[in-house]
Amino acid sequence: MTSADMVLPPQDDRTLPAVVLKDIDTRPLEQALTDLQLLLEQHGHVIVVCSRATPTAVQRRLHTLRSLLESDRIALFTPDLPPLGLAALVRQLRQLASCDLGPGVLASAGRLLVHYIHSGALLGSVARLDRVPVDLKQHARSWVPGSQFAVLAHPQPQLVRLGPEATLDGPEFGTWMLVAKGQLQSDWVTATLAPSWKVQGLRETPLPAESPGWWGTGKLIEFCTYLPDLSVLYQLVTSVRRGACHWCGIDVIGDRCVFCSATPPVPEGRPLAQRT
């Protein structure tokens, strides 16, 4: 992780700690390079997860470090999730890291588990929201004092003005909900949304520092639902077909290697018109 406030408390006694790459963009390049090299020597492989709201300078530094080390043992993962949903995903990977999964399968698991996370927020304004489609009428209503909007960013964007009939499409399987309160006063998420989604448990956590920038306002309450049970996570990951990357040889799930970015070669007999 590149931010300490994105590291959630352990879900269970098997959840492994995360390493935070502090001030990766401001520290001397040589020092950052040495720290990452030590991580590689200690653990063999490194999976770096960062939000798409992470400053560009941080993302550039990560790519620079990976290039300088010339290593296929560093995976850079930037899923399209709001900060709180990303924090929940990272904790799931920390849970799975205690299991008998290879580094390629563990890193690939992030792409799978992201589909089981519902992530959104209650906003006091959508005037600066640019990560979810906002029509002109909703944009105009955001300037009306007291207006609030329920927004789902993932898995499918959805935005509704808060009212008696307001609702969001939730998960069709059992989940827990994580809530982080910003500068907005409301109990709609915990008193209305959580029961309508039939969540099996609810926890509160501090709002990630990147959340106001991601949502375009500090007047928000961010929420996400996730699968908390390690046995369920493990079953999901191990039920997916795995294979060896044809380039670096590591076991992965999915079509693209998360470490070397190689994709399966096109079969020789396949027509050129179908090669994509």
Foldseek 3Di string as FASTA:
>chain_A
DQDPQLADDALDPLQAGDDHQYPLLPDDLVVSLVVVVVVCVVPVAEEAEDEPLPDPSNVVSVVVSCVVVVDLRYFYHYDHAFSNQSSVLVRLLSNCVSDPDDPQLSNQLSVVQQQQKKKWKKALAQCQADQADDDPVRNVCSPPPPWIWTWINPDDTDIDIDDPPDADDEDPDEWEKEKEAFQADDCCVVPPHCVVNPYPYYYYGHDDPSNCVNRVHRHMMIMMIGHSDSVVSVCSSVVADWDAQPPPGDIHGDQAGSRPRDGDDDDPPDDPVPDD
